Amino acid sequence: MKKGITAAIVAAVIAVAVVCVVSRSGEHGDVADGGTGPQQAEDRPRQGRPHPAARPVVPSRPAPVRAKSVEAEVSPGGETSPETEMEEESDSEEENRREREEEARVEDFDSLTDKWMEPSKEPVSMKDVDEFAAKFRLIPKERQEECLHRALNLVPDENVMLLAGILMDKSQDAELVELVFNDVLNRSDDVKKPILQQIFKDKEHPCWADAAWVLDMTGEAPEKKN
């Protein structure tokens, strides 16, 4: 009889324990879900995406700075580089030097012209003719006509043979040769006759036809040999 009562009491205790366990499981959630019940879910802070303002600012890597080239012609400020300045100075010096040399040649020829401004006591020699023509060839092309005009105006009839070296030089520009030829035509007859006859001997001379016509008109053309 006592054993039956004891078994009944144990069964009741076990039943009460089971009811308590089930009740607690409903209140706090399923243990299999990690033991988090409704109350724990409310108390736990939400783990959404953080606000952009809360993110740490990572400094961007600065862009690499390119070194300035020493060989650059012009700096950002518009200033010329030392190398370019040196080249410009060198070109300027070379140009000045060339201009001084050209001017010296012009002055040298003009000085020789001045030397023959007065009638010479001695006839003009071939050496004088060659020197006059050689110095004329050294003059820059763009200054030759200017210097020749000056010589034609200053050299008197007595020294006109000085110009023969230029007149008989077929390598000269035809315009310059004709300039001397036209001047000779305005000289006295005893001066121009020997020069025209000299030209008449060279049919390749640019002024041969004109010289032949003048000599023919004056009856002074050399007789043709049979």
Protein backbone atom coordinates (compact mmCIF):
# COMPACT_ATOMS: atom_id res chain seq x y z
CA MET A 1 0.00 0.00 0.00
CA LYS A 2 2.84 2.37 0.94
CA LYS A 3 4.72 1.56 -2.28
CA GLY A 4 1.69 2.59 -4.36
CA ILE A 5 1.41 5.90 -2.58
CA THR A 6 5.11 6.59 -3.05
CA ALA A 7 4.90 5.83 -6.78
CA ALA A 8 1.94 8.15 -7.14
CA ILE A 9 3.79 10.98 -5.42
CA VAL A 10 6.86 10.55 -7.68
CA ALA A 11 4.65 10.54 -10.76
CA ALA A 12 2.99 13.75 -9.66
CA VAL A 13 6.33 15.43 -9.03
CA ILE A 14 7.55 14.40 -12.48
CA ALA A 15 4.38 15.73 -14.09
CA VAL A 16 4.76 19.11 -12.35
CA ALA A 17 8.41 19.29 -13.47
CA VAL A 18 7.44 18.62 -17.08
CA VAL A 19 4.76 21.32 -16.95
CA CYS A 20 7.30 23.83 -15.61
CA VAL A 21 9.81 23.03 -18.31
CA VAL A 22 7.22 23.40 -21.06
CA SER A 23 6.03 26.69 -19.60
CA ARG A 24 9.51 28.13 -19.45
CA SER A 25 10.20 27.03 -23.02
CA GLY A 26 7.22 29.01 -24.27
CA GLU A 27 8.25 32.16 -22.43
CA HIS A 28 11.93 32.29 -23.41
CA GLY A 29 11.89 30.73 -26.86
CA ASP A 30 13.21 27.52 -28.23
CA VAL A 31 16.53 26.43 -26.83
CA ALA A 32 17.44 25.09 -30.26
CA ASP A 33 17.18 28.64 -31.65
CA GLY A 34 20.06 29.76 -29.50
CA GLY A 35 18.07 30.42 -26.34
CA THR A 36 16.87 33.88 -27.42
CA GLY A 37 13.35 34.63 -26.39
CA PRO A 38 11.11 37.59 -27.18
CA GLN A 39 12.45 39.62 -24.29
CA GLN A 40 16.05 39.05 -25.35
CA ALA A 41 15.21 40.05 -28.94
CA GLU A 42 13.77 43.37 -27.72
CA ASP A 43 16.71 44.09 -25.42
CA ARG A 44 19.38 43.32 -28.08
CA PRO A 45 20.39 46.37 -30.23
CA ARG A 46 19.69 46.19 -33.93
CA GLN A 47 22.75 45.54 -36.13
CA GLY A 48 21.81 47.37 -39.33
CA ARG A 49 24.29 49.16 -41.78
CA PRO A 50 26.03 52.03 -40.01
CA HIS A 51 25.18 55.60 -41.02
CA PRO A 52 27.64 57.04 -43.58
CA ALA A 53 28.60 59.78 -41.15
CA ALA A 54 29.66 57.16 -38.65
CA ARG A 55 32.07 55.46 -41.06
CA PRO A 56 35.76 56.20 -40.52
CA VAL A 57 37.20 58.53 -43.16
CA VAL A 58 40.15 56.91 -44.92
CA PRO A 59 42.49 59.58 -46.36
CA SER A 60 42.94 59.20 -50.12
CA ARG A 61 46.42 58.56 -51.39
CA PRO A 62 47.90 61.73 -52.90
CA ALA A 63 48.60 61.65 -56.63
CA PRO A 64 52.30 61.34 -57.46
CA VAL A 65 53.93 64.68 -58.24
CA ARG A 66 55.81 64.72 -61.52
CA ALA A 67 59.22 66.24 -61.32
CA LYS A 68 59.76 69.33 -63.43
CA SER A 69 61.87 68.67 -66.46
CA VAL A 70 65.06 70.68 -66.61
CA GLU A 71 64.88 70.55 -70.36
CA ALA A 72 61.44 72.17 -70.58
CA GLU A 73 61.52 75.14 -72.90
CA VAL A 74 58.98 77.21 -70.98
CA SER A 75 58.02 77.00 -67.32
CA PRO A 76 54.36 77.10 -66.15
CA GLY A 77 54.85 80.76 -65.30
CA GLY A 78 55.79 81.57 -68.89
CA GLU A 79 59.50 81.99 -68.14
CA THR A 80 62.06 80.71 -70.64
CA SER A 81 64.29 77.90 -69.48
CA PRO A 82 68.05 78.53 -69.11
CA GLU A 83 68.81 76.21 -72.02
CA THR A 84 66.50 78.11 -74.37
CA GLU A 85 67.92 81.45 -73.27
CA MET A 86 71.45 80.23 -73.96
CA GLU A 87 70.45 79.06 -77.44
CA GLU A 88 68.78 82.39 -78.21
CA GLU A 89 71.83 84.30 -76.99
CA SER A 90 74.08 82.10 -79.10
CA ASP A 91 71.95 82.68 -82.22
CA SER A 92 71.88 86.41 -81.54
CA GLU A 93 75.64 86.54 -81.12
CA GLU A 94 76.17 84.59 -84.32
CA GLU A 95 73.85 86.92 -86.22
CA ASN A 96 75.61 89.99 -84.85
CA ARG A 97 78.99 88.55 -85.77
CA ARG A 98 77.82 87.82 -89.33
CA GLU A 99 76.40 91.33 -89.69
CA ARG A 100 79.68 92.85 -88.50
CA GLU A 101 81.65 90.79 -91.01
CA GLU A 102 79.35 91.78 -93.87
CA GLU A 103 79.50 95.43 -92.92
CA ALA A 104 83.30 95.25 -92.75
CA ARG A 105 83.40 93.89 -96.32
CA VAL A 106 81.18 96.71 -97.55
CA GLU A 107 83.35 99.29 -95.84
CA ASP A 108 86.48 97.69 -97.28
CA PHE A 109 85.16 97.99 -100.84
CA ASP A 110 83.93 101.53 -100.27
CA SER A 111 87.36 102.50 -98.94
CA LEU A 112 88.99 101.11 -102.09
CA THR A 113 86.49 103.08 -104.19
CA ASP A 114 87.39 106.24 -102.30
CA LYS A 115 91.04 105.59 -103.10
CA TRP A 116 90.24 105.85 -106.83
CA MET A 117 88.01 108.92 -106.62
CA GLU A 118 90.77 111.15 -107.95
CA PRO A 119 92.35 110.64 -111.39
CA SER A 120 95.48 108.53 -110.94
CA LYS A 121 98.80 109.63 -112.31
CA GLU A 122 99.59 106.07 -113.30
CA PRO A 123 97.32 103.94 -115.51
CA VAL A 124 95.18 101.37 -113.76
CA SER A 125 97.09 98.07 -113.68
CA MET A 126 95.70 94.56 -113.98
CA LYS A 127 96.58 94.05 -110.32
CA ASP A 128 94.34 96.97 -109.41
CA VAL A 129 91.54 95.58 -111.59
CA ASP A 130 91.78 92.12 -109.99
CA GLU A 131 91.83 93.57 -106.46
CA PHE A 132 88.78 95.73 -107.13
CA ALA A 133 86.81 92.80 -108.58
CA ALA A 134 87.88 90.43 -105.76
CA LYS A 135 86.72 92.79 -103.02
CA PHE A 136 83.45 93.32 -104.88
CA ARG A 137 82.77 89.57 -104.91
CA LEU A 138 83.12 89.47 -101.11
CA ILE A 139 80.24 91.89 -100.62
CA PRO A 140 76.90 90.26 -99.65
CA LYS A 141 74.64 89.84 -102.67
CA GLU A 142 71.98 92.13 -101.26
CA ARG A 143 74.55 94.96 -100.90
CA GLN A 144 76.42 94.63 -104.21
CA GLU A 145 74.17 96.83 -106.32
CA GLU A 146 74.30 99.57 -103.71
CA CYS A 147 78.11 99.52 -103.60
CA LEU A 148 78.40 99.32 -107.39
CA HIS A 149 76.20 102.38 -107.88
CA ARG A 150 78.45 104.29 -105.51
CA ALA A 151 81.58 103.19 -107.38
CA LEU A 152 80.14 104.14 -110.77
CA ASN A 153 79.31 107.60 -109.47
CA LEU A 154 82.71 108.20 -107.87
CA VAL A 155 85.26 106.60 -110.22
CA PRO A 156 86.33 109.15 -112.87
CA ASP A 157 86.85 108.41 -116.57
CA GLU A 158 90.60 108.16 -116.07
CA ASN A 159 90.12 105.18 -113.72
CA VAL A 160 87.14 103.55 -115.43
CA MET A 161 89.26 100.55 -116.43
CA LEU A 162 89.09 99.63 -112.75
CA LEU A 163 85.55 98.42 -113.45
CA ALA A 164 86.62 96.11 -116.26
CA GLY A 165 87.12 93.25 -113.84
CA ILE A 166 83.41 93.36 -112.92
CA LEU A 167 82.26 94.02 -116.48
CA MET A 168 84.15 91.06 -117.94
CA ASP A 169 83.23 88.64 -115.13
CA LYS A 170 80.50 86.47 -116.67
CA SER A 171 79.91 84.72 -113.34
CA GLN A 172 78.43 87.93 -112.00
CA ASP A 173 74.70 88.57 -112.12
CA ALA A 174 73.70 89.84 -115.57
CA GLU A 175 71.98 92.85 -113.99
CA LEU A 176 75.24 94.01 -112.41
CA VAL A 177 77.22 93.49 -115.61
CA GLU A 178 74.67 95.48 -117.61
CA LEU A 179 74.81 98.21 -114.97
CA VAL A 180 78.54 98.67 -115.58
CA PHE A 181 78.08 98.41 -119.35
CA ASN A 182 75.46 101.19 -119.40
CA ASP A 183 77.77 103.37 -117.34
CA VAL A 184 80.63 102.78 -119.78
CA LEU A 185 78.40 103.91 -122.66
CA ASN A 186 78.06 107.29 -120.98
CA ARG A 187 81.81 107.76 -120.70
CA SER A 188 84.01 109.58 -123.18
CA ASP A 189 84.75 107.87 -126.50
CA ASP A 190 88.42 107.31 -125.81
CA VAL A 191 87.41 105.47 -122.61
CA LYS A 192 84.55 103.30 -123.84
CA LYS A 193 85.99 102.31 -127.24
CA PRO A 194 88.67 99.89 -125.94
CA ILE A 195 86.16 98.36 -123.51
CA LEU A 196 83.52 97.80 -126.21
CA GLN A 197 86.08 96.24 -128.50
CA GLN A 198 87.13 93.89 -125.72
CA ILE A 199 83.53 92.80 -125.22
CA PHE A 200 83.10 92.33 -128.98
CA LYS A 201 85.75 89.59 -128.90
CA ASP A 202 83.63 87.44 -126.60
CA LYS A 203 80.32 86.44 -128.18
CA GLU A 204 79.24 84.73 -124.95
CA HIS A 205 79.32 88.00 -123.07
CA PRO A 206 75.79 89.07 -122.01
CA CYS A 207 76.38 92.54 -123.54
CA TRP A 208 78.00 91.37 -126.78
CA ALA A 209 75.03 92.24 -129.01
CA ASP A 210 74.78 95.76 -127.62
CA ALA A 211 78.52 96.33 -127.92
CA ALA A 212 78.51 95.08 -131.51
CA TRP A 213 75.62 97.37 -132.40
CA VAL A 214 77.34 100.44 -130.88
CA LEU A 215 80.62 99.69 -132.66
CA ASP A 216 78.80 99.08 -135.91
CA MET A 217 76.90 102.36 -135.61
CA THR A 218 80.09 104.31 -134.93
CA GLY A 219 82.00 102.48 -137.66
CA GLU A 220 84.52 101.27 -135.12
CA ALA A 221 83.70 97.57 -135.23
CA PRO A 222 86.78 95.41 -135.85
CA GLU A 223 87.04 94.15 -139.42
CA LYS A 224 85.98 90.57 -139.95
CA LYS A 225 88.75 88.28 -141.02
CA ASN A 226 88.12 86.08 -144.02
